[in-house]
Each structure stands twice: as structure tokens, then as C-alpha cells.
């Protein structure tokens, strides 16, 4: 059993979707998506915040290799990471919204704590 969810997508599409979700999440501070996508996004977003807390050049380049927008990386290192300097993990929260009308998928809001 792998350590991640496949989300019904081929590898390249899944990676692209998760990169976009993480970028949007860090840009806006919260996103609304399905529960399984939110749980996968949370894992990656928390890794990015932990890297940003280190604050060195290598960490910045590692984050840049995943996050798709430079201004979001700048915001992550300058604004988001300093807020969580004293916190050891648990930077995000998942709030359940309810089922989506079209396909009855469980919709949640993923937000920064």
C-alpha cells in the first residue's frame, strides 16, 4: 500500500493538480475542495511550510521546485513561515462543508490555522 492516494489520476496529472492546489492554498490561505484532495494537499503544504521555516537558500529552491509561482514562494518565506516559527507541525485545519450537489462528494475547506 503506497503512502499516498492516487485520486483516480495518472501520475503526471495528479502531480500537476496537487502542485496547483498547494500553490493556490498558500496564495489564498484557504481552498474549498473534496476531502481526499484536501488531505493530500495538507501533507504537501505542511512540508512546504516546514521547509520555509528553515529559511535558507536550499530550502527556498526546494520549495520553488514544487510551488508554481515565485510570488507565492516569497509570501511563504516572508509572511507565512514566521507565523509558525514556534509551532511544530499542524499548520492546517480541515472543516467539513457537506456533500456536493452534483456527485455527492464530501466537500471541505482547507485553511491555515
PDB file of N, CA and C in Angstrom:
ATOM      1  N   UNK A   1       0.845  -1.189   0.000  1.00  0.00           N
ATOM      2  CA  UNK A   1       0.000   0.000   0.000  1.00  0.00           C
ATOM      3  C   UNK A   1       0.889   1.250   0.000  1.00  0.00           C
ATOM      4  N   UNK A   2       0.703   2.126  -0.991  1.00  0.00           N
ATOM      5  CA  UNK A   2       1.560   3.310  -1.079  1.00  0.00           C
ATOM      6  C   UNK A   2       1.242   4.331   0.012  1.00  0.00           C
ATOM      7  N   UNK A   3       2.145   5.292   0.198  1.00  0.00           N
ATOM      8  CA  UNK A   3       1.962   6.308   1.227  1.00  0.00           C
ATOM      9  C   UNK A   3       1.180   7.505   0.734  1.00  0.00           C
ATOM     10  N   UNK A   4       0.469   7.359  -0.376  1.00  0.00           N
ATOM     11  CA  UNK A   4      -0.304   8.465  -0.920  1.00  0.00           C
ATOM     12  C   UNK A   4      -1.550   7.932  -1.611  1.00  0.00           C
ATOM     13  N   UNK A   5      -2.499   8.825  -1.909  1.00  0.00           N
ATOM     14  CA  UNK A   5      -3.720   8.457  -2.614  1.00  0.00           C
ATOM     15  C   UNK A   5      -3.528   8.742  -4.105  1.00  0.00           C
ATOM     16  N   UNK A   6      -4.040   7.867  -4.952  1.00  0.00           N
ATOM     17  CA  UNK A   6      -3.870   8.047  -6.393  1.00  0.00           C
ATOM     18  C   UNK A   6      -4.904   9.005  -6.980  1.00  0.00           C
ATOM     19  N   UNK A   7      -6.027   9.189  -6.291  1.00  0.00           N
ATOM     20  CA  UNK A   7      -7.061  10.148  -6.690  1.00  0.00           C
ATOM     21  C   UNK A   7      -7.611   9.904  -8.092  1.00  0.00           C
ATOM     22  N   UNK A   8      -7.476   8.691  -8.593  1.00  0.00           N
ATOM     23  CA  UNK A   8      -8.041   8.342  -9.890  1.00  0.00           C
ATOM     24  C   UNK A   8      -7.396   9.050 -11.065  1.00  0.00           C
ATOM     25  N   UNK A   9      -6.144   9.451 -10.924  1.00  0.00           N
ATOM     26  CA  UNK A   9      -5.462  10.183 -11.980  1.00  0.00           C
ATOM     27  C   UNK A   9      -4.116   9.543 -12.300  1.00  0.00           C
ATOM     28  N   UNK A  10      -3.657   9.690 -13.561  1.00  0.00           N
ATOM     29  CA  UNK A  10      -2.295   9.283 -13.880  1.00  0.00           C
ATOM     30  C   UNK A  10      -1.296  10.140 -13.109  1.00  0.00           C
ATOM     31  N   UNK A  11      -0.080   9.645 -12.964  1.00  0.00           N
ATOM     32  CA  UNK A  11       0.917  10.300 -12.114  1.00  0.00           C
ATOM     33  C   UNK A  11       1.148  11.758 -12.480  1.00  0.00           C
ATOM     34  N   UNK A  12       1.344  12.054 -13.778  1.00  0.00           N
ATOM     35  CA  UNK A  12       1.658  13.423 -14.173  1.00  0.00           C
ATOM     36  C   UNK A  12       0.504  14.378 -13.888  1.00  0.00           C
ATOM     37  N   UNK A  13      -0.717  13.926 -14.137  1.00  0.00           N
ATOM     38  CA  UNK A  13      -1.881  14.776 -13.870  1.00  0.00           C
ATOM     39  C   UNK A  13      -2.090  14.983 -12.373  1.00  0.00           C
ATOM     40  N   UNK A  14      -1.859  13.917 -11.596  1.00  0.00           N
ATOM     41  CA  UNK A  14      -2.016  14.017 -10.136  1.00  0.00           C
ATOM     42  C   UNK A  14      -0.999  14.997  -9.556  1.00  0.00           C
ATOM     43  N   UNK A  15       0.256  14.897  -9.992  1.00  0.00           N
ATOM     44  CA  UNK A  15       1.290  15.804  -9.502  1.00  0.00           C
ATOM     45  C   UNK A  15       0.973  17.251  -9.869  1.00  0.00           C
ATOM     46  N   UNK A  16       0.517  17.470 -11.098  1.00  0.00           N
ATOM     47  CA  UNK A  16       0.185  18.827 -11.547  1.00  0.00           C
ATOM     48  C   UNK A  16      -0.982  19.390 -10.733  1.00  0.00           C
ATOM     49  N   UNK A  17      -2.001  18.565 -10.488  1.00  0.00           N
ATOM     50  CA  UNK A  17      -3.159  19.016  -9.714  1.00  0.00           C
ATOM     51  C   UNK A  17      -2.751  19.371  -8.289  1.00  0.00           C
ATOM     52  N   UNK A  18      -1.928  18.533  -7.661  1.00  0.00           N
ATOM     53  CA  UNK A  18      -1.510  18.795  -6.283  1.00  0.00           C
ATOM     54  C   UNK A  18      -0.607  20.020  -6.197  1.00  0.00           C
ATOM     55  N   UNK A  19       0.259  20.222  -7.184  1.00  0.00           N
ATOM     56  CA  UNK A  19       1.096  21.429  -7.200  1.00  0.00           C
ATOM     57  C   UNK A  19       0.218  22.671  -7.283  1.00  0.00           C
ATOM     58  N   UNK A  20      -0.803  22.626  -8.138  1.00  0.00           N
ATOM     59  CA  UNK A  20      -1.705  23.768  -8.276  1.00  0.00           C
ATOM     60  C   UNK A  20      -2.526  23.998  -7.012  1.00  0.00           C
ATOM     61  N   UNK A  21      -2.985  22.911  -6.389  1.00  0.00           N
ATOM     62  CA  UNK A  21      -3.751  23.047  -5.146  1.00  0.00           C
ATOM     63  C   UNK A  21      -2.896  23.655  -4.034  1.00  0.00           C
ATOM     64  N   UNK A  22      -1.663  23.188  -3.896  1.00  0.00           N
ATOM     65  CA  UNK A  22      -0.773  23.714  -2.850  1.00  0.00           C
ATOM     66  C   UNK A  22      -0.461  25.188  -3.117  1.00  0.00           C
ATOM     67  N   UNK A  23      -0.195  25.525  -4.381  1.00  0.00           N
ATOM     68  CA  UNK A  23       0.100  26.915  -4.731  1.00  0.00           C
ATOM     69  C   UNK A  23      -1.091  27.815  -4.413  1.00  0.00           C
ATOM     70  N   UNK A  24      -2.298  27.399  -4.817  1.00  0.00           N
ATOM     71  CA  UNK A  24      -3.499  28.192  -4.538  1.00  0.00           C
ATOM     72  C   UNK A  24      -3.747  28.309  -3.043  1.00  0.00           C
ATOM     73  N   UNK A  25      -3.517  27.210  -2.327  1.00  0.00           N
ATOM     74  CA  UNK A  25      -3.729  27.216  -0.876  1.00  0.00           C
ATOM     75  C   UNK A  25      -2.801  28.206  -0.191  1.00  0.00           C
ATOM     76  N   UNK A  26      -1.531  28.200  -0.547  1.00  0.00           N
ATOM     77  CA  UNK A  26      -0.576  29.116   0.072  1.00  0.00           C
ATOM     78  C   UNK A  26      -0.834  30.558  -0.363  1.00  0.00           C
ATOM     79  N   UNK A  27      -1.339  30.734  -1.561  1.00  0.00           N
ATOM     80  CA  UNK A  27      -1.618  32.079  -2.083  1.00  0.00           C
ATOM     81  C   UNK A  27      -2.799  32.720  -1.360  1.00  0.00           C
ATOM     82  N   UNK A  28      -3.865  31.944  -1.155  1.00  0.00           N
ATOM     83  CA  UNK A  28      -5.104  32.495  -0.605  1.00  0.00           C
ATOM     84  C   UNK A  28      -5.334  32.186   0.876  1.00  0.00           C
ATOM     85  N   UNK A  29      -4.591  31.223   1.435  1.00  0.00           N
ATOM     86  CA  UNK A  29      -4.760  30.888   2.839  1.00  0.00           C
ATOM     87  C   UNK A  29      -5.841  29.859   3.102  1.00  0.00           C
ATOM     88  N   UNK A  30      -6.707  29.621   2.109  1.00  0.00           N
ATOM     89  CA  UNK A  30      -7.713  28.562   2.237  1.00  0.00           C
ATOM     90  C   UNK A  30      -8.232  28.185   0.858  1.00  0.00           C
ATOM     91  N   UNK A  31      -8.682  26.934   0.733  1.00  0.00           N
ATOM     92  CA  UNK A  31      -9.297  26.458  -0.505  1.00  0.00           C
ATOM     93  C   UNK A  31     -10.456  25.547  -0.151  1.00  0.00           C
ATOM     94  N   UNK A  32     -11.395  25.416  -1.083  1.00  0.00           N
ATOM     95  CA  UNK A  32     -12.526  24.500  -0.920  1.00  0.00           C
ATOM     96  C   UNK A  32     -12.366  23.399  -1.957  1.00  0.00           C
ATOM     97  N   UNK A  33     -12.320  22.149  -1.482  1.00  0.00           N
ATOM     98  CA  UNK A  33     -12.099  21.018  -2.380  1.00  0.00           C
ATOM     99  C   UNK A  33     -12.690  19.764  -1.739  1.00  0.00           C
ATOM    100  N   UNK A  34     -12.512  18.614  -2.389  1.00  0.00           N
ATOM    101  CA  UNK A  34     -13.029  17.375  -1.810  1.00  0.00           C
ATOM    102  C   UNK A  34     -12.134  16.937  -0.655  1.00  0.00           C
ATOM    103  N   UNK A  35     -12.667  16.079   0.186  1.00  0.00           N
ATOM    104  CA  UNK A  35     -11.952  15.675   1.392  1.00  0.00           C
ATOM    105  C   UNK A  35     -10.642  14.952   1.085  1.00  0.00           C
ATOM    106  N   UNK A  36     -10.653  14.019   0.135  1.00  0.00           N
ATOM    107  CA  UNK A  36      -9.432  13.266  -0.159  1.00  0.00           C
ATOM    108  C   UNK A  36      -8.358  14.159  -0.768  1.00  0.00           C
ATOM    109  N   UNK A  37      -8.753  15.080  -1.644  1.00  0.00           N
ATOM    110  CA  UNK A  37      -7.783  16.014  -2.219  1.00  0.00           C
ATOM    111  C   UNK A  37      -7.216  16.933  -1.138  1.00  0.00           C
ATOM    112  N   UNK A  38      -8.057  17.354  -0.216  1.00  0.00           N
ATOM    113  CA  UNK A  38      -7.605  18.235   0.867  1.00  0.00           C
ATOM    114  C   UNK A  38      -6.585  17.522   1.748  1.00  0.00           C
ATOM    115  N   UNK A  39      -6.805  16.243   2.024  1.00  0.00           N
ATOM    116  CA  UNK A  39      -5.884  15.506   2.882  1.00  0.00           C
ATOM    117  C   UNK A  39      -4.518  15.343   2.215  1.00  0.00           C
ATOM    118  N   UNK A  40      -4.498  15.124   0.902  1.00  0.00           N
ATOM    119  CA  UNK A  40      -3.231  15.030   0.186  1.00  0.00           C
ATOM    120  C   UNK A  40      -2.557  16.397   0.091  1.00  0.00           C
ATOM    121  N   UNK A  41      -3.350  17.425  -0.144  1.00  0.00           N
ATOM    122  CA  UNK A  41      -2.814  18.784  -0.239  1.00  0.00           C
ATOM    123  C   UNK A  41      -2.217  19.210   1.087  1.00  0.00           C
ATOM    124  N   UNK A  42      -2.866  18.833   2.183  1.00  0.00           N
ATOM    125  CA  UNK A  42      -2.386  19.207   3.517  1.00  0.00           C
ATOM    126  C   UNK A  42      -0.979  18.652   3.765  1.00  0.00           C
ATOM    127  N   UNK A  43      -0.742  17.392   3.393  1.00  0.00           N
ATOM    128  CA  UNK A  43       0.581  16.783   3.590  1.00  0.00           C
ATOM    129  C   UNK A  43       1.663  17.620   2.914  1.00  0.00           C
ATOM    130  N   UNK A  44       1.415  17.969   1.656  1.00  0.00           N
ATOM    131  CA  UNK A  44       2.427  18.691   0.878  1.00  0.00           C
ATOM    132  C   UNK A  44       2.574  20.131   1.356  1.00  0.00           C
ATOM    133  N   UNK A  45       1.473  20.777   1.698  1.00  0.00           N
ATOM    134  CA  UNK A  45       1.530  22.171   2.151  1.00  0.00           C
ATOM    135  C   UNK A  45       2.303  22.269   3.471  1.00  0.00           C
ATOM    136  N   UNK A  46       2.090  21.323   4.358  1.00  0.00           N
ATOM    137  CA  UNK A  46       2.804  21.355   5.638  1.00  0.00           C
ATOM    138  C   UNK A  46       4.306  21.133   5.424  1.00  0.00           C
ATOM    139  N   UNK A  47       4.671  20.304   4.451  1.00  0.00           N
ATOM    140  CA  UNK A  47       6.086  20.124   4.129  1.00  0.00           C
ATOM    141  C   UNK A  47       6.693  21.432   3.611  1.00  0.00           C
ATOM    142  N   UNK A  48       5.936  22.149   2.772  1.00  0.00           N
ATOM    143  CA  UNK A  48       6.431  23.417   2.232  1.00  0.00           C
ATOM    144  C   UNK A  48       6.632  24.447   3.345  1.00  0.00           C
ATOM    145  N   UNK A  49       5.687  24.509   4.294  1.00  0.00           N
ATOM    146  CA  UNK A  49       5.799  25.462   5.409  1.00  0.00           C
ATOM    147  C   UNK A  49       6.997  25.098   6.284  1.00  0.00           C
ATOM    148  N   UNK A  50       7.186  23.805   6.534  1.00  0.00           N
ATOM    149  CA  UNK A  50       8.325  23.366   7.341  1.00  0.00           C
ATOM    150  C   UNK A  50       9.645  23.726   6.657  1.00  0.00           C
ATOM    151  N   UNK A  51       9.708  23.547   5.344  1.00  0.00           N
ATOM    152  CA  UNK A  51      10.908  23.943   4.605  1.00  0.00           C
ATOM    153  C   UNK A  51      11.124  25.449   4.711  1.00  0.00           C
ATOM    154  N   UNK A  52      10.051  26.212   4.586  1.00  0.00           N
ATOM    155  CA  UNK A  52      10.154  27.675   4.635  1.00  0.00           C
ATOM    156  C   UNK A  52      10.604  28.154   6.007  1.00  0.00           C
ATOM    157  N   UNK A  53      10.275  27.415   7.058  1.00  0.00           N
ATOM    158  CA  UNK A  53      10.720  27.792   8.406  1.00  0.00           C
ATOM    159  C   UNK A  53      12.238  27.721   8.524  1.00  0.00           C
ATOM    160  N   UNK A  54      12.883  26.822   7.768  1.00  0.00           N
ATOM    161  CA  UNK A  54      14.346  26.761   7.756  1.00  0.00           C
ATOM    162  C   UNK A  54      14.929  28.050   7.202  1.00  0.00           C
ATOM    163  N   UNK A  55      14.326  28.527   6.119  1.00  0.00           N
ATOM    164  CA  UNK A  55      14.658  29.842   5.612  1.00  0.00           C
ATOM    165  C   UNK A  55      15.947  29.986   4.841  1.00  0.00           C
ATOM    166  N   UNK A  56      16.676  28.906   4.569  1.00  0.00           N
ATOM    167  CA  UNK A  56      17.929  29.059   3.830  1.00  0.00           C
ATOM    168  C   UNK A  56      17.696  28.923   2.317  1.00  0.00           C
ATOM    169  N   UNK A  57      18.740  29.151   1.550  1.00  0.00           N
ATOM    170  CA  UNK A  57      18.641  29.148   0.097  1.00  0.00           C
ATOM    171  C   UNK A  57      18.239  27.777  -0.443  1.00  0.00           C
ATOM    172  N   UNK A  58      18.781  26.730   0.129  1.00  0.00           N
ATOM    173  CA  UNK A  58      18.456  25.380  -0.333  1.00  0.00           C
ATOM    174  C   UNK A  58      16.966  25.083  -0.134  1.00  0.00           C
ATOM    175  N   UNK A  59      16.434  25.469   1.019  1.00  0.00           N
ATOM    176  CA  UNK A  59      15.001  25.261   1.283  1.00  0.00           C
ATOM    177  C   UNK A  59      14.159  26.054   0.288  1.00  0.00           C
ATOM    178  N   UNK A  60      14.576  27.296  -0.001  1.00  0.00           N
ATOM    179  CA  UNK A  60      13.833  28.133  -0.960  1.00  0.00           C
ATOM    180  C   UNK A  60      13.810  27.470  -2.339  1.00  0.00           C
ATOM    181  N   UNK A  61      14.941  26.903  -2.749  1.00  0.00           N
ATOM    182  CA  UNK A  61      14.997  26.238  -4.055  1.00  0.00           C
ATOM    183  C   UNK A  61      14.170  24.960  -4.079  1.00  0.00           C
ATOM    184  N   UNK A  62      14.130  24.242  -2.957  1.00  0.00           N
ATOM    185  CA  UNK A  62      13.292  23.041  -2.881  1.00  0.00           C
ATOM    186  C   UNK A  62      11.815  23.418  -3.018  1.00  0.00           C
ATOM    187  N   UNK A  63      11.398  24.490  -2.342  1.00  0.00           N
ATOM    188  CA  UNK A  63      10.006  24.937  -2.434  1.00  0.00           C
ATOM    189  C   UNK A  63       9.714  25.424  -3.853  1.00  0.00           C
ATOM    190  N   UNK A  64      10.653  26.168  -4.448  1.00  0.00           N
ATOM    191  CA  UNK A  64      10.469  26.665  -5.818  1.00  0.00           C
ATOM    192  C   UNK A  64      10.316  25.538  -6.831  1.00  0.00           C
ATOM    193  N   UNK A  65      10.920  24.382  -6.547  1.00  0.00           N
ATOM    194  CA  UNK A  65      10.794  23.256  -7.470  1.00  0.00           C
ATOM    195  C   UNK A  65       9.396  22.646  -7.437  1.00  0.00           C
ATOM    196  N   UNK A  66       8.609  22.955  -6.403  1.00  0.00           N
ATOM    197  CA  UNK A  66       7.270  22.393  -6.287  1.00  0.00           C
ATOM    198  C   UNK A  66       6.182  23.435  -6.505  1.00  0.00           C
ATOM    199  N   UNK A  67       6.289  24.583  -5.823  1.00  0.00           N
ATOM    200  CA  UNK A  67       5.283  25.643  -5.942  1.00  0.00           C
ATOM    201  C   UNK A  67       5.488  26.345  -7.278  1.00  0.00           C
ATOM    202  N   UNK A  68       4.384  26.648  -7.983  1.00  0.00           N
ATOM    203  CA  UNK A  68       4.482  27.091  -9.368  1.00  0.00           C
ATOM    204  C   UNK A  68       4.652  28.603  -9.543  1.00  0.00           C
ATOM    205  N   UNK A  69       4.482  29.412  -8.491  1.00  0.00           N
ATOM    206  CA  UNK A  69       4.569  30.871  -8.635  1.00  0.00           C
ATOM    207  C   UNK A  69       5.615  31.441  -7.675  1.00  0.00           C
ATOM    208  N   UNK A  70       6.499  32.297  -8.197  1.00  0.00           N
ATOM    209  CA  UNK A  70       7.572  32.867  -7.385  1.00  0.00           C
ATOM    210  C   UNK A  70       7.040  33.783  -6.289  1.00  0.00           C
ATOM    211  N   UNK A  71       5.971  34.553  -6.598  1.00  0.00           N
ATOM    212  CA  UNK A  71       5.440  35.469  -5.586  1.00  0.00           C
ATOM    213  C   UNK A  71       4.813  34.717  -4.416  1.00  0.00           C
ATOM    214  N   UNK A  72       4.308  33.511  -4.665  1.00  0.00           N
ATOM    215  CA  UNK A  72       3.756  32.687  -3.583  1.00  0.00           C
ATOM    216  C   UNK A  72       4.887  32.180  -2.688  1.00  0.00           C
ATOM    217  N   UNK A  73       6.028  31.831  -3.291  1.00  0.00           N
ATOM    218  CA  UNK A  73       7.197  31.400  -2.507  1.00  0.00           C
ATOM    219  C   UNK A  73       7.687  32.553  -1.635  1.00  0.00           C
ATOM    220  N   UNK A  74       7.713  33.754  -2.223  1.00  0.00           N
ATOM    221  CA  UNK A  74       8.111  34.946  -1.476  1.00  0.00           C
ATOM    222  C   UNK A  74       7.192  35.160  -0.273  1.00  0.00           C
ATOM    223  N   UNK A  75       5.879  35.039  -0.510  1.00  0.00           N
ATOM    224  CA  UNK A  75       4.898  35.203   0.577  1.00  0.00           C
ATOM    225  C   UNK A  75       5.092  34.125   1.640  1.00  0.00           C
ATOM    226  N   UNK A  76       5.345  32.890   1.208  1.00  0.00           N
ATOM    227  CA  UNK A  76       5.542  31.774   2.133  1.00  0.00           C
ATOM    228  C   UNK A  76       6.726  32.035   3.062  1.00  0.00           C
ATOM    229  N   UNK A  77       7.847  32.482   2.511  1.00  0.00           N
ATOM    230  CA  UNK A  77       9.047  32.699   3.319  1.00  0.00           C
ATOM    231  C   UNK A  77       8.958  33.966   4.170  1.00  0.00           C
ATOM    232  N   UNK A  78       8.308  35.023   3.646  1.00  0.00           N
ATOM    233  CA  UNK A  78       8.289  36.316   4.339  1.00  0.00           C
ATOM    234  C   UNK A  78       7.138  36.470   5.331  1.00  0.00           C
ATOM    235  N   UNK A  79       5.962  35.881   5.027  1.00  0.00           N
ATOM    236  CA  UNK A  79       4.781  36.108   5.862  1.00  0.00           C
ATOM    237  C   UNK A  79       4.308  34.854   6.604  1.00  0.00           C
ATOM    238  N   UNK A  80       4.150  33.756   5.866  1.00  0.00           N
ATOM    239  CA  UNK A  80       3.519  32.561   6.457  1.00  0.00           C
ATOM    240  C   UNK A  80       4.451  31.840   7.430  1.00  0.00           C
ATOM    241  N   UNK A  81       5.672  31.526   6.998  1.00  0.00           N
ATOM    242  CA  UNK A  81       6.602  30.752   7.832  1.00  0.00           C
ATOM    243  C   UNK A  81       6.924  31.422   9.175  1.00  0.00           C
ATOM    244  N   UNK A  82       7.175  32.747   9.229  1.00  0.00           N
ATOM    245  CA  UNK A  82       7.465  33.368  10.531  1.00  0.00           C
ATOM    246  C   UNK A  82       6.325  33.230  11.550  1.00  0.00           C
ATOM    247  N   UNK A  83       5.084  33.155  11.077  1.00  0.00           N
ATOM    248  CA  UNK A  83       3.936  32.992  11.987  1.00  0.00           C
ATOM    249  C   UNK A  83       4.010  31.661  12.733  1.00  0.00           C
ATOM    250  N   UNK A  84       4.562  30.634  12.077  1.00  0.00           N
ATOM    251  CA  UNK A  84       4.563  29.285  12.641  1.00  0.00           C
ATOM    252  C   UNK A  84       5.925  28.883  13.205  1.00  0.00           C
ATOM    253  N   UNK A  85       6.795  29.852  13.470  1.00  0.00           N
ATOM    254  CA  UNK A  85       8.141  29.558  13.945  1.00  0.00           C
ATOM    255  C   UNK A  85       8.135  28.763  15.250  1.00  0.00           C
ATOM    256  N   UNK A  86       7.193  29.048  16.137  1.00  0.00           N
ATOM    257  CA  UNK A  86       7.120  28.372  17.440  1.00  0.00           C
ATOM    258  C   UNK A  86       6.288  27.094  17.396  1.00  0.00           C
ATOM    259  N   UNK A  87       5.650  26.807  16.253  1.00  0.00           N
ATOM    260  CA  UNK A  87       4.717  25.684  16.164  1.00  0.00           C
ATOM    261  C   UNK A  87       5.384  24.498  15.463  1.00  0.00           C
ATOM    262  N   UNK A  88       5.255  23.322  16.033  1.00  0.00           N
ATOM    263  CA  UNK A  88       5.838  22.120  15.436  1.00  0.00           C
ATOM    264  C   UNK A  88       4.765  21.324  14.697  1.00  0.00           C
ATOM    265  N   UNK A  89       4.491  21.706  13.467  1.00  0.00           N
ATOM    266  CA  UNK A  89       3.500  20.997  12.667  1.00  0.00           C
ATOM    267  C   UNK A  89       2.086  21.419  12.996  1.00  0.00           C
ATOM    268  N   UNK A  90       1.126  20.875  12.243  1.00  0.00           N
ATOM    269  CA  UNK A  90      -0.271  21.199  12.459  1.00  0.00           C
ATOM    270  C   UNK A  90      -0.605  22.621  12.050  1.00  0.00           C
ATOM    271  N   UNK A  91      -0.182  22.994  10.837  1.00  0.00           N
ATOM    272  CA  UNK A  91      -0.389  24.353  10.371  1.00  0.00           C
ATOM    273  C   UNK A  91      -1.736  24.529   9.679  1.00  0.00           C
ATOM    274  N   UNK A  92      -2.430  23.422   9.424  1.00  0.00           N
ATOM    275  CA  UNK A  92      -3.671  23.492   8.648  1.00  0.00           C
ATOM    276  C   UNK A  92      -4.841  22.888   9.423  1.00  0.00           C
ATOM    277  N   UNK A  93      -6.029  23.231   8.950  1.00  0.00           N
ATOM    278  CA  UNK A  93      -7.264  22.728   9.565  1.00  0.00           C
ATOM    279  C   UNK A  93      -8.223  22.380   8.433  1.00  0.00           C
ATOM    280  N   UNK A  94      -8.979  21.289   8.607  1.00  0.00           N
ATOM    281  CA  UNK A  94      -9.976  20.875   7.616  1.00  0.00           C
ATOM    282  C   UNK A  94     -11.364  20.997   8.245  1.00  0.00           C
ATOM    283  N   UNK A  95     -12.220  21.807   7.616  1.00  0.00           N
ATOM    284  CA  UNK A  95     -13.598  21.994   8.073  1.00  0.00           C
ATOM    285  C   UNK A  95     -14.539  21.373   7.055  1.00  0.00           C
ATOM    286  N   UNK A  96     -15.421  20.481   7.503  1.00  0.00           N
ATOM    287  CA  UNK A  96     -16.348  19.833   6.586  1.00  0.00           C
ATOM    288  C   UNK A  96     -17.495  20.784   6.238  1.00  0.00           C
ATOM    289  N   UNK A  97     -17.820  20.834   4.940  1.00  0.00           N
ATOM    290  CA  UNK A  97     -18.895  21.692   4.456  1.00  0.00           C
ATOM    291  C   UNK A  97     -20.157  20.876   4.213  1.00  0.00           C
ATOM    292  N   UNK A  98     -19.989  19.689   3.649  1.00  0.00           N
ATOM    293  CA  UNK A  98     -21.129  18.832   3.348  1.00  0.00           C
ATOM    294  C   UNK A  98     -20.977  18.252   1.958  1.00  0.00           C
ATOM    295  N   UNK A  99     -21.977  17.495   1.496  1.00  0.00           N
ATOM    296  CA  UNK A  99     -21.868  16.869   0.181  1.00  0.00           C
ATOM    297  C   UNK A  99     -22.076  17.873  -0.958  1.00  0.00           C
ATOM    298  N   UNK A 100     -21.359  17.652  -2.060  1.00  0.00           N
ATOM    299  CA  UNK A 100     -21.506  18.496  -3.249  1.00  0.00           C
ATOM    300  C   UNK A 100     -22.767  18.065  -3.981  1.00  0.00           C
ATOM    301  N   UNK A 101     -23.460  19.026  -4.535  1.00  0.00           N
ATOM    302  CA  UNK A 101     -24.740  18.747  -5.155  1.00  0.00           C
ATOM    303  C   UNK A 101     -24.640  17.812  -6.361  1.00  0.00           C
ATOM    304  N   UNK A 102     -23.638  17.996  -7.201  1.00  0.00           N
ATOM    305  CA  UNK A 102     -23.562  17.230  -8.441  1.00  0.00           C
ATOM    306  C   UNK A 102     -23.294  15.748  -8.245  1.00  0.00           C
ATOM    307  N   UNK A 103     -22.274  15.401  -7.448  1.00  0.00           N
ATOM    308  CA  UNK A 103     -21.869  14.000  -7.337  1.00  0.00           C
ATOM    309  C   UNK A 103     -21.841  13.492  -5.901  1.00  0.00           C
ATOM    310  N   UNK A 104     -22.323  14.300  -4.974  1.00  0.00           N
ATOM    311  CA  UNK A 104     -22.419  13.917  -3.556  1.00  0.00           C
ATOM    312  C   UNK A 104     -21.046  13.666  -2.914  1.00  0.00           C
ATOM    313  N   UNK A 105     -19.996  14.262  -3.494  1.00  0.00           N
ATOM    314  CA  UNK A 105     -18.650  14.131  -2.912  1.00  0.00           C
ATOM    315  C   UNK A 105     -18.571  15.021  -1.675  1.00  0.00           C
ATOM    316  N   UNK A 106     -17.876  14.558  -0.640  1.00  0.00           N
ATOM    317  CA  UNK A 106     -17.726  15.324   0.600  1.00  0.00           C
ATOM    318  C   UNK A 106     -16.819  16.528   0.351  1.00  0.00           C
ATOM    319  N   UNK A 107     -17.336  17.738   0.539  1.00  0.00           N
ATOM    320  CA  UNK A 107     -16.584  18.960   0.303  1.00  0.00           C
ATOM    321  C   UNK A 107     -16.106  19.527   1.639  1.00  0.00           C
ATOM    322  N   UNK A 108     -14.840  20.006   1.647  1.00  0.00           N
ATOM    323  CA  UNK A 108     -14.261  20.568   2.874  1.00  0.00           C
ATOM    324  C   UNK A 108     -13.553  21.871   2.548  1.00  0.00           C
ATOM    325  N   UNK A 109     -13.291  22.660   3.577  1.00  0.00           N
ATOM    326  CA  UNK A 109     -12.462  23.853   3.450  1.00  0.00           C
ATOM    327  C   UNK A 109     -11.151  23.563   4.152  1.00  0.00           C
ATOM    328  N   UNK A 110     -10.048  23.719   3.428  1.00  0.00           N
ATOM    329  CA  UNK A 110      -8.703  23.561   3.997  1.00  0.00           C
ATOM    330  C   UNK A 110      -8.165  24.957   4.245  1.00  0.00           C
ATOM    331  N   UNK A 111      -7.784  25.253   5.486  1.00  0.00           N
ATOM    332  CA  UNK A 111      -7.305  26.599   5.805  1.00  0.00           C
ATOM    333  C   UNK A 111      -6.121  26.554   6.737  1.00  0.00           C
ATOM    334  N   UNK A 112      -5.359  27.646   6.741  1.00  0.00           N
ATOM    335  CA  UNK A 112      -4.238  27.794   7.658  1.00  0.00           C
ATOM    336  C   UNK A 112      -4.772  28.080   9.059  1.00  0.00           C
ATOM    337  N   UNK A 113      -4.123  27.526  10.070  1.00  0.00           N
ATOM    338  CA  UNK A 113      -4.558  27.741  11.447  1.00  0.00           C
ATOM    339  C   UNK A 113      -4.159  29.133  11.880  1.00  0.00           C
TER     340      UNK A 113
END
